[in-house]
Amino acid sequence: MTEPRIAATADVDPSATIGIGTVIWHLAQVREHAALGEGCILGRGAYVGPGVRIGDRVKLQNYSLVYEPAVLEDGVFVGPAAVLTNDVYPRSTDIDGTLKRDGDWSAEGVVVRRGASVGARAVILAGRTVGRYALVAAGAVVIRDVPDFALVAGTPARRVGWVGRAGVTLREESPGRWRCPRTGETYIEADGLLAGPESPAPPSPERENRSHTAPGDPSQMVLGNSSQAAPGDPSETVLGNSSQVAPGDPSQVASGEPFEAVPGGPFQAAPGDPSQVAPGGTS
């Protein structure tokens, strides 16, 4: 490992802690008392708020915004222009017209667990948790906690599948039993949650052909624009950066009830579902 590499045009506060081997590119900003682990990459224009905690081998792509007091565990990926917000009830002023300052509102940070990925232009509402190895699709708006290994997409985001540690969409072998086509690891579903993985099975010709993807595999159209994706790797198109977030009513905030799977089709809000989304990201 080498010492951190920080571009001359980056703005890193002297009180921030930067781990060895971490690279911070042009125009990125790391605020006071933030802590970055080892081997991280911060792309051009990325923002890390005061006191944010980031683990090892985390990638923040260009212009991603991580507002305090967020926590990102080891191996997290945040795609281009994704936003991790922190204000549930955003207002510029109090009711008397006084401009709000620090201490006039309560920040609620997003938590992204180990190995999870957040797609380009996705928005995570304040106080939400993205579970281990979960995958948030490009342009999704997350208004509820995301379970471990869940693949969520849409506005508001809903679970549309499961992914394994390799980031590939899992295939159901039998009711409640899922297998990763790349690694052979198996996972068990119970009560709407996924546990695992178990030990991988012996190699098979299907898993040896890593370039093969099943027709209709959601991972082909969900993420995208990973700066170092291998040719044919589903991650090339899973975090993409062209999806748009639908406008919503800023006065509505999600209640945090668990995700429900949506069997195919467009991601429409169920009757009575809190589909409006509040803007966030107050610095």
Protein backbone atom coordinates (compact mmCIF):
# COMPACT_ATOMS: atom_id res chain seq x y z
CA MET A 1 0.00 0.00 0.00
CA THR A 2 1.12 3.55 -0.72
CA GLU A 3 0.43 6.86 0.94
CA PRO A 4 -2.83 8.60 -0.04
CA ARG A 5 -2.84 10.39 -3.39
CA ILE A 6 -4.75 13.66 -3.31
CA ALA A 7 -5.12 15.84 -6.40
CA ALA A 8 -3.96 19.43 -6.05
CA THR A 9 -7.46 20.69 -6.87
CA ALA A 10 -9.17 18.50 -4.25
CA ASP A 11 -10.33 20.12 -1.01
CA VAL A 12 -9.51 17.89 1.95
CA ASP A 13 -9.89 19.37 5.43
CA PRO A 14 -6.77 18.96 7.62
CA SER A 15 -8.87 17.28 10.32
CA ALA A 16 -10.06 14.52 7.98
CA THR A 17 -8.46 11.06 8.21
CA ILE A 18 -7.41 9.47 4.92
CA GLY A 19 -6.32 5.81 4.81
CA ILE A 20 -3.24 4.55 3.00
CA GLY A 21 -3.67 3.82 -0.68
CA THR A 22 -6.74 6.03 -1.01
CA VAL A 23 -6.97 8.22 -4.13
CA ILE A 24 -8.89 11.52 -4.19
CA TRP A 25 -9.37 13.04 -7.64
CA HIS A 26 -9.86 16.57 -8.92
CA LEU A 27 -12.45 18.84 -7.28
CA ALA A 28 -13.49 16.25 -4.70
CA GLN A 29 -14.23 17.62 -1.24
CA VAL A 30 -13.74 15.87 2.09
CA ARG A 31 -15.09 17.88 5.01
CA GLU A 32 -13.85 18.23 8.57
CA HIS A 33 -13.45 15.12 10.76
CA ALA A 34 -14.54 12.74 7.99
CA ALA A 35 -12.72 9.39 8.00
CA LEU A 36 -11.88 7.35 4.89
CA GLY A 37 -10.40 3.88 5.10
CA GLU A 38 -7.68 2.24 3.02
CA GLY A 39 -7.71 1.79 -0.74
CA CYS A 40 -10.71 4.04 -1.45
CA ILE A 41 -11.33 6.02 -4.64
CA LEU A 42 -13.13 9.37 -4.69
CA GLY A 43 -13.95 10.50 -8.22
CA ARG A 44 -14.01 14.00 -9.63
CA GLY A 45 -16.38 16.27 -7.74
CA ALA A 46 -17.37 13.71 -5.10
CA TYR A 47 -18.48 15.18 -1.76
CA VAL A 48 -18.01 13.68 1.73
CA GLY A 49 -19.71 15.59 4.55
CA PRO A 50 -18.40 16.42 8.02
CA GLY A 51 -17.91 13.38 10.23
CA VAL A 52 -18.89 10.84 7.57
CA ARG A 53 -17.36 7.39 8.18
CA ILE A 54 -16.19 5.39 5.16
CA GLY A 55 -14.61 1.93 5.33
CA ASP A 56 -11.92 0.28 3.21
CA ARG A 57 -12.04 -0.20 -0.58
CA VAL A 58 -15.02 2.10 -1.09
CA LYS A 59 -15.60 3.76 -4.47
CA LEU A 60 -17.42 7.08 -4.78
CA GLN A 61 -17.89 7.83 -8.47
CA ASN A 62 -17.88 11.31 -10.03
CA TYR A 63 -20.14 13.88 -8.36
CA SER A 64 -21.64 11.47 -5.83
CA LEU A 65 -22.79 13.26 -2.67
CA VAL A 66 -22.53 11.66 0.77
CA TYR A 67 -24.02 13.89 3.45
CA GLU A 68 -23.29 13.65 7.15
CA PRO A 69 -23.61 11.63 9.31
CA ALA A 70 -23.59 8.79 6.77
CA VAL A 71 -21.73 5.52 7.36
CA LEU A 72 -20.41 3.43 4.46
CA GLU A 73 -18.96 0.04 5.36
CA ASP A 74 -16.16 -1.82 3.53
CA GLY A 75 -16.50 -2.48 -0.18
CA VAL A 76 -19.37 -0.08 -0.88
CA PHE A 77 -19.90 1.36 -4.38
CA VAL A 78 -21.70 4.68 -4.95
CA GLY A 79 -22.37 5.49 -8.60
CA PRO A 80 -22.06 8.80 -10.45
CA ALA A 81 -24.27 11.62 -9.16
CA ALA A 82 -25.96 9.42 -6.54
CA VAL A 83 -27.11 11.29 -3.43
CA LEU A 84 -27.24 10.06 0.18
CA THR A 85 -29.44 12.67 1.86
CA ASN A 86 -29.72 13.66 5.50
CA ASP A 87 -32.74 15.93 6.05
CA VAL A 88 -36.19 14.39 6.52
CA TYR A 89 -37.98 17.75 6.65
CA PRO A 90 -35.89 20.09 4.48
CA ARG A 91 -36.54 23.79 4.86
CA SER A 92 -34.29 26.78 4.17
CA THR A 93 -35.88 28.90 6.90
CA ASP A 94 -37.87 28.63 10.11
CA ILE A 95 -41.53 29.65 10.06
CA ASP A 96 -40.52 33.20 11.05
CA GLY A 97 -38.32 33.46 7.96
CA THR A 98 -35.00 33.08 9.80
CA LEU A 99 -32.37 31.25 7.79
CA LYS A 100 -31.64 27.83 9.29
CA ARG A 101 -28.09 27.10 10.41
CA ASP A 102 -26.31 24.19 12.08
CA GLY A 103 -28.23 23.22 15.19
CA ASP A 104 -31.58 24.36 13.75
CA TRP A 105 -32.33 20.93 12.27
CA SER A 106 -31.47 17.28 12.90
CA ALA A 107 -29.35 15.36 10.39
CA GLU A 108 -30.15 11.67 9.85
CA GLY A 109 -27.45 9.78 8.00
CA VAL A 110 -27.80 6.96 5.50
CA VAL A 111 -26.08 3.65 6.35
CA VAL A 112 -24.77 1.49 3.50
CA ARG A 113 -23.71 -1.97 4.68
CA ARG A 114 -20.75 -4.04 3.52
CA GLY A 115 -20.46 -4.72 -0.20
CA ALA A 116 -23.65 -2.90 -1.24
CA SER A 117 -23.90 -0.84 -4.44
CA VAL A 118 -25.88 2.33 -5.17
CA GLY A 119 -26.52 3.07 -8.84
CA ALA A 120 -25.96 6.29 -10.74
CA ARG A 121 -28.35 9.13 -9.87
CA ALA A 122 -30.06 7.04 -7.21
CA VAL A 123 -31.35 8.93 -4.18
CA ILE A 124 -31.38 7.43 -0.68
CA LEU A 125 -33.64 9.26 1.76
CA ALA A 126 -32.31 10.35 5.12
CA GLY A 127 -32.07 7.70 7.82
CA ARG A 128 -32.46 4.70 5.54
CA THR A 129 -30.21 1.61 5.58
CA VAL A 130 -29.05 -0.30 2.50
CA GLY A 131 -28.31 -3.90 3.52
CA ARG A 132 -25.23 -6.05 2.88
CA TYR A 133 -24.49 -6.71 -0.80
CA ALA A 134 -27.78 -5.12 -1.82
CA LEU A 135 -27.99 -3.39 -5.19
CA VAL A 136 -29.91 -0.14 -5.76
CA ALA A 137 -30.73 0.45 -9.43
CA ALA A 138 -29.80 3.57 -11.33
CA GLY A 139 -32.27 6.39 -10.78
CA ALA A 140 -34.08 4.59 -7.95
CA VAL A 141 -35.47 6.56 -5.02
CA VAL A 142 -35.09 4.57 -1.80
CA ILE A 143 -37.71 5.52 0.79
CA ARG A 144 -37.50 2.33 2.92
CA ASP A 145 -34.69 0.20 4.32
CA VAL A 146 -33.28 -2.23 1.75
CA PRO A 147 -32.77 -5.86 2.92
CA ASP A 148 -29.48 -7.71 2.53
CA PHE A 149 -28.93 -9.02 -1.03
CA ALA A 150 -32.02 -7.23 -2.39
CA LEU A 151 -32.12 -5.80 -5.91
CA VAL A 152 -34.38 -2.73 -5.81
CA ALA A 153 -35.45 -0.43 -8.63
CA GLY A 154 -37.97 2.26 -9.47
CA THR A 155 -39.58 5.28 -7.85
CA PRO A 156 -40.24 4.51 -5.11
CA ALA A 157 -37.76 1.63 -5.11
CA ARG A 158 -39.18 -1.89 -4.77
CA ARG A 159 -37.52 -5.27 -4.66
CA VAL A 160 -37.41 -6.86 -8.11
CA GLY A 161 -34.99 -9.69 -7.35
CA TRP A 162 -32.04 -10.91 -5.31
CA VAL A 163 -28.31 -10.55 -5.97
CA GLY A 164 -25.37 -12.45 -4.50
CA ARG A 165 -22.02 -11.25 -3.29
CA ALA A 166 -20.76 -11.14 -6.89
CA GLY A 167 -23.50 -8.65 -7.81
CA VAL A 168 -25.16 -11.06 -10.25
CA THR A 169 -28.90 -11.71 -10.14
CA LEU A 170 -29.65 -14.99 -8.37
CA ARG A 171 -31.67 -17.81 -9.94
CA GLU A 172 -34.28 -19.74 -8.01
CA GLU A 173 -33.46 -23.46 -8.01
CA SER A 174 -36.42 -24.49 -5.89
CA PRO A 175 -38.90 -22.65 -3.66
CA GLY A 176 -36.89 -20.54 -1.22
CA ARG A 177 -33.51 -21.67 -2.54
CA TRP A 178 -31.44 -19.38 -4.79
CA ARG A 179 -28.11 -19.88 -6.56
CA CYS A 180 -25.55 -17.45 -7.98
CA PRO A 181 -24.84 -18.42 -11.63
CA ARG A 182 -21.32 -17.06 -11.37
CA THR A 183 -20.01 -18.42 -8.07
CA GLY A 184 -22.38 -21.31 -7.31
CA GLU A 185 -23.10 -19.95 -3.85
CA THR A 186 -26.57 -20.76 -2.58
CA TYR A 187 -28.90 -18.57 -0.51
CA ILE A 188 -32.05 -19.35 1.44
CA GLU A 189 -35.13 -17.11 1.39
CA ALA A 190 -37.51 -17.03 4.35
CA ASP A 191 -40.11 -14.48 5.41
CA GLY A 192 -39.08 -12.05 2.68
CA LEU A 193 -35.39 -12.06 3.64
CA LEU A 194 -32.38 -13.80 2.16
CA ALA A 195 -29.69 -15.58 4.19
CA GLY A 196 -26.41 -17.06 3.05
CA PRO A 197 -24.37 -17.76 1.20
CA GLU A 198 -23.70 -21.44 1.71
CA SER A 199 -20.64 -23.17 0.27
CA PRO A 200 -20.56 -23.09 -3.54
CA ALA A 201 -21.35 -26.23 -5.50
CA PRO A 202 -18.74 -27.84 -7.80
CA PRO A 203 -18.12 -25.90 -11.04
CA SER A 204 -20.57 -26.44 -13.87
CA PRO A 205 -20.35 -25.51 -17.56
CA GLU A 206 -23.08 -22.93 -17.02
CA ARG A 207 -21.06 -21.11 -14.35
CA GLU A 208 -17.83 -21.44 -16.29
CA ASN A 209 -19.29 -19.31 -19.10
CA ARG A 210 -19.30 -16.00 -17.24
CA SER A 211 -20.33 -14.01 -20.28
CA HIS A 212 -23.71 -15.76 -20.44
CA THR A 213 -26.68 -13.99 -18.90
CA ALA A 214 -30.19 -15.32 -18.75
CA PRO A 215 -32.78 -13.47 -20.90
CA GLY A 216 -34.58 -10.83 -18.89
CA ASP A 217 -31.93 -10.75 -16.18
CA PRO A 218 -32.63 -7.50 -14.26
CA SER A 219 -28.92 -6.96 -13.64
CA GLN A 220 -28.47 -6.21 -17.35
CA MET A 221 -30.42 -2.97 -17.09
CA VAL A 222 -30.00 -1.76 -13.56
CA LEU A 223 -26.54 -0.46 -12.55
CA GLY A 224 -24.00 0.66 -15.21
CA ASN A 225 -21.12 3.11 -15.62
CA SER A 226 -18.68 1.34 -13.34
CA SER A 227 -15.33 2.83 -14.29
CA GLN A 228 -13.52 -0.50 -14.32
CA ALA A 229 -16.14 -3.01 -15.46
CA ALA A 230 -14.86 -6.01 -17.41
CA PRO A 231 -16.30 -6.65 -20.89
CA GLY A 232 -19.56 -8.54 -20.59
CA ASP A 233 -19.76 -7.93 -16.85
CA PRO A 234 -23.40 -7.20 -15.86
CA SER A 235 -22.14 -4.35 -13.66
CA GLU A 236 -21.53 -2.37 -16.86
CA THR A 237 -25.27 -1.82 -17.22
CA VAL A 238 -26.62 -2.15 -13.72
CA LEU A 239 -25.60 1.20 -12.24
CA GLY A 240 -26.31 3.34 -15.35
CA ASN A 241 -26.46 7.10 -15.36
CA SER A 242 -29.39 7.99 -17.61
CA SER A 243 -32.41 7.24 -15.42
CA GLN A 244 -34.39 10.20 -14.17
CA VAL A 245 -36.06 10.54 -10.80
CA ALA A 246 -39.78 11.23 -11.06
CA PRO A 247 -40.94 14.44 -9.37
CA GLY A 248 -42.73 13.97 -6.08
CA ASP A 249 -44.44 15.84 -3.30
CA PRO A 250 -41.67 17.10 -0.95
CA SER A 251 -44.01 17.04 2.01
CA GLN A 252 -44.35 13.26 1.97
CA VAL A 253 -41.80 11.00 3.65
CA ALA A 254 -41.72 7.20 3.73
CA SER A 255 -42.79 5.34 6.85
CA GLY A 256 -40.08 2.69 6.61
CA GLU A 257 -42.24 -0.41 6.15
CA PRO A 258 -40.43 -3.38 4.56
CA PHE A 259 -40.08 -3.90 0.81
CA GLU A 260 -42.50 -6.09 -1.08
CA ALA A 261 -41.47 -7.86 -4.27
CA VAL A 262 -43.12 -6.66 -7.47
CA PRO A 263 -43.49 -9.48 -10.03
CA GLY A 264 -42.27 -7.85 -13.26
CA GLY A 265 -43.85 -4.98 -15.13
CA PRO A 266 -43.42 -1.28 -14.37
CA PHE A 267 -42.70 -0.22 -10.85
CA GLN A 268 -45.98 1.36 -9.86
CA ALA A 269 -46.82 2.43 -6.33
CA ALA A 270 -49.47 0.25 -4.69
CA PRO A 271 -52.67 1.99 -3.49
CA GLY A 272 -51.95 3.78 -0.25
CA ASP A 273 -48.20 3.41 -0.71
CA PRO A 274 -46.18 6.53 0.25
CA SER A 275 -44.92 7.17 -3.28
CA GLN A 276 -44.08 10.81 -2.74
CA VAL A 277 -40.48 11.51 -1.91
CA ALA A 278 -38.88 14.34 -0.02
CA PRO A 279 -35.80 16.08 -1.38
CA GLY A 280 -32.76 15.87 0.83
CA GLY A 281 -29.08 16.48 1.01
CA THR A 282 -28.84 19.57 3.15
CA SER A 283 -25.18 20.31 3.66
